[in-house]
Amino acid sequence: MRMSDKSLAYALLRIAFGVNFAGHGLIRIYNGVGAFAASTAAHLAKSPLPPGLTLGFSYAIPFLEAVLGLTLILGVFTRISLVCGAVFMMLLSIGATTNQLWDVASQQLVYTAVFFLLLYLIEHNALALDSYLRRSSIQ
């Protein structure tokens, strides 16, 4: 059975987005989460957000990015991954806007739009473990 062009386009966007997201997280883990967290917390030091909260969240960011990226690459738990990714981007946007980092907030809005687009078009999610698992459970 031939995959539709829409399903192929969806898979390519989902996988490319997952590679981007996983790359962010995995390289930050590889380079040291502590250094990333300290740097991020320092960037947010002038914001009205509580320093302990920003530092704690900064430690979680690389792991969240890696998990979200890998689930998108594999196409497993796709719907929940897309919802969690959109919420994650909203949380990052809070940090960027409270620190008046408008260029960063704009980039985060683009990521949020891709999460929305992928969720909106999820019925085209054919090349994914979700589809395989769904077919296996039916048989």
Protein backbone atom coordinates (compact mmCIF):
# COMPACT_ATOMS: atom_id res chain seq x y z
CA MET A 1 0.00 0.00 0.00
CA ARG A 2 1.38 3.40 -1.03
CA MET A 3 1.63 6.15 1.57
CA SER A 4 -0.17 9.39 0.69
CA ASP A 5 1.84 12.51 0.01
CA LYS A 6 0.26 14.15 3.08
CA SER A 7 1.30 11.27 5.32
CA LEU A 8 4.82 11.33 3.90
CA ALA A 9 5.06 15.12 4.36
CA TYR A 10 3.73 14.76 7.91
CA ALA A 11 6.30 12.06 8.72
CA LEU A 12 9.16 14.11 7.30
CA LEU A 13 8.16 17.21 9.30
CA ARG A 14 7.59 15.19 12.49
CA ILE A 15 10.95 13.42 12.19
CA ALA A 16 12.88 16.58 11.24
CA PHE A 17 11.31 18.43 14.16
CA GLY A 18 12.13 15.52 16.45
CA VAL A 19 15.75 15.49 15.29
CA ASN A 20 16.00 19.22 16.02
CA PHE A 21 14.45 18.85 19.46
CA ALA A 22 16.42 15.72 20.40
CA GLY A 23 19.60 17.38 19.17
CA HIS A 24 19.07 20.31 21.50
CA GLY A 25 18.56 18.03 24.48
CA LEU A 26 21.18 15.39 23.76
CA ILE A 27 24.02 17.84 23.09
CA ARG A 28 23.16 19.73 26.29
CA ILE A 29 23.23 16.46 28.22
CA TYR A 30 26.52 15.51 26.56
CA ASN A 31 28.11 18.90 27.33
CA GLY A 32 26.90 18.85 30.93
CA VAL A 33 23.46 19.66 32.22
CA GLY A 34 24.87 21.65 35.14
CA ALA A 35 26.68 24.09 32.88
CA PHE A 36 23.57 24.56 30.74
CA ALA A 37 21.34 25.05 33.79
CA ALA A 38 23.70 27.58 35.36
CA SER A 39 23.99 29.53 32.10
CA THR A 40 20.23 29.56 31.55
CA ALA A 41 19.54 30.61 35.14
CA ALA A 42 22.11 33.41 34.80
CA HIS A 43 20.33 34.66 31.64
CA LEU A 44 17.06 34.75 33.60
CA ALA A 45 18.55 36.37 36.72
CA LYS A 46 17.02 39.76 35.88
CA SER A 47 13.54 38.33 35.40
CA PRO A 48 10.92 38.39 38.17
CA LEU A 49 10.82 34.57 38.20
CA PRO A 50 12.06 32.85 41.38
CA PRO A 51 15.75 31.86 40.93
CA GLY A 52 15.24 28.40 42.42
CA LEU A 53 12.40 27.69 40.02
CA THR A 54 14.37 28.81 36.97
CA LEU A 55 17.43 26.80 38.00
CA GLY A 56 15.37 23.66 38.66
CA PHE A 57 13.49 23.99 35.38
CA SER A 58 16.79 24.63 33.57
CA TYR A 59 18.07 21.26 34.79
CA ALA A 60 14.98 19.57 33.34
CA ILE A 61 15.06 21.29 29.93
CA PRO A 62 17.67 19.06 28.22
CA PHE A 63 15.93 15.87 29.33
CA LEU A 64 12.52 17.15 28.25
CA GLU A 65 13.92 18.15 24.86
CA ALA A 66 15.61 14.77 24.40
CA VAL A 67 12.51 12.76 25.35
CA LEU A 68 10.15 14.89 23.26
CA GLY A 69 12.51 14.71 20.30
CA LEU A 70 12.98 10.96 20.48
CA THR A 71 9.25 10.29 20.79
CA LEU A 72 8.63 12.47 17.73
CA ILE A 73 11.35 10.74 15.72
CA LEU A 74 9.88 7.33 16.54
CA GLY A 75 6.29 8.49 16.29
CA VAL A 76 5.37 6.96 19.63
CA PHE A 77 2.93 8.69 21.99
CA THR A 78 2.80 11.32 19.26
CA ARG A 79 -0.35 13.13 20.41
CA ILE A 80 0.72 13.45 24.05
CA SER A 81 4.25 14.40 22.96
CA LEU A 82 2.89 17.21 20.80
CA VAL A 83 0.66 18.53 23.60
CA CYS A 84 3.53 18.32 26.12
CA GLY A 85 5.85 20.02 23.63
CA ALA A 86 3.42 22.91 23.12
CA VAL A 87 3.04 23.35 26.90
CA PHE A 88 6.84 23.15 27.27
CA MET A 89 7.24 25.92 24.69
CA MET A 90 4.70 28.05 26.57
CA LEU A 91 6.73 27.64 29.76
CA LEU A 92 9.93 28.60 27.94
CA SER A 93 8.11 31.63 26.51
CA ILE A 94 7.26 32.78 30.02
CA GLY A 95 10.97 32.87 30.81
CA ALA A 96 11.85 34.67 27.59
CA THR A 97 9.11 37.29 27.84
CA THR A 98 9.67 38.06 31.54
CA ASN A 99 13.28 38.75 30.65
CA GLN A 100 12.25 40.72 27.54
CA LEU A 101 14.12 38.39 25.19
CA TRP A 102 11.81 39.12 22.28
CA ASP A 103 13.94 37.44 19.62
CA VAL A 104 14.01 34.22 21.69
CA ALA A 105 10.25 34.49 22.33
CA SER A 106 9.69 34.83 18.57
CA GLN A 107 11.73 31.68 17.88
CA GLN A 108 9.76 29.83 20.55
CA LEU A 109 6.53 30.92 18.90
CA VAL A 110 7.69 29.28 15.66
CA TYR A 111 8.32 26.03 17.54
CA THR A 112 4.87 26.33 19.14
CA ALA A 113 3.33 26.77 15.69
CA VAL A 114 5.03 23.57 14.45
CA PHE A 115 3.68 21.68 17.47
CA PHE A 116 0.22 23.04 16.64
CA LEU A 117 0.51 22.13 12.97
CA LEU A 118 1.63 18.58 13.74
CA LEU A 119 -1.17 18.12 16.26
CA TYR A 120 -3.75 19.61 13.90
CA LEU A 121 -2.72 17.23 11.11
CA ILE A 122 -2.17 14.17 13.30
CA GLU A 123 -4.58 12.05 11.23
CA HIS A 124 -1.74 11.87 8.67
CA ASN A 125 0.64 10.28 11.19
CA ALA A 126 1.06 7.01 9.27
CA LEU A 127 4.82 6.38 9.34
CA ALA A 128 5.02 6.00 13.11
CA LEU A 129 5.21 3.40 15.84
CA ASP A 130 1.80 4.66 16.99
CA SER A 131 0.30 3.41 13.71
CA TYR A 132 2.07 0.07 13.97
CA LEU A 133 1.01 -0.42 17.61
CA ARG A 134 -2.57 0.53 16.77
CA ARG A 135 -2.67 -2.01 13.90
CA SER A 136 -1.10 -4.72 16.12
CA SER A 137 -3.66 -4.21 18.88
CA ILE A 138 -6.56 -4.50 16.40
CA GLN A 139 -5.42 -7.87 15.03
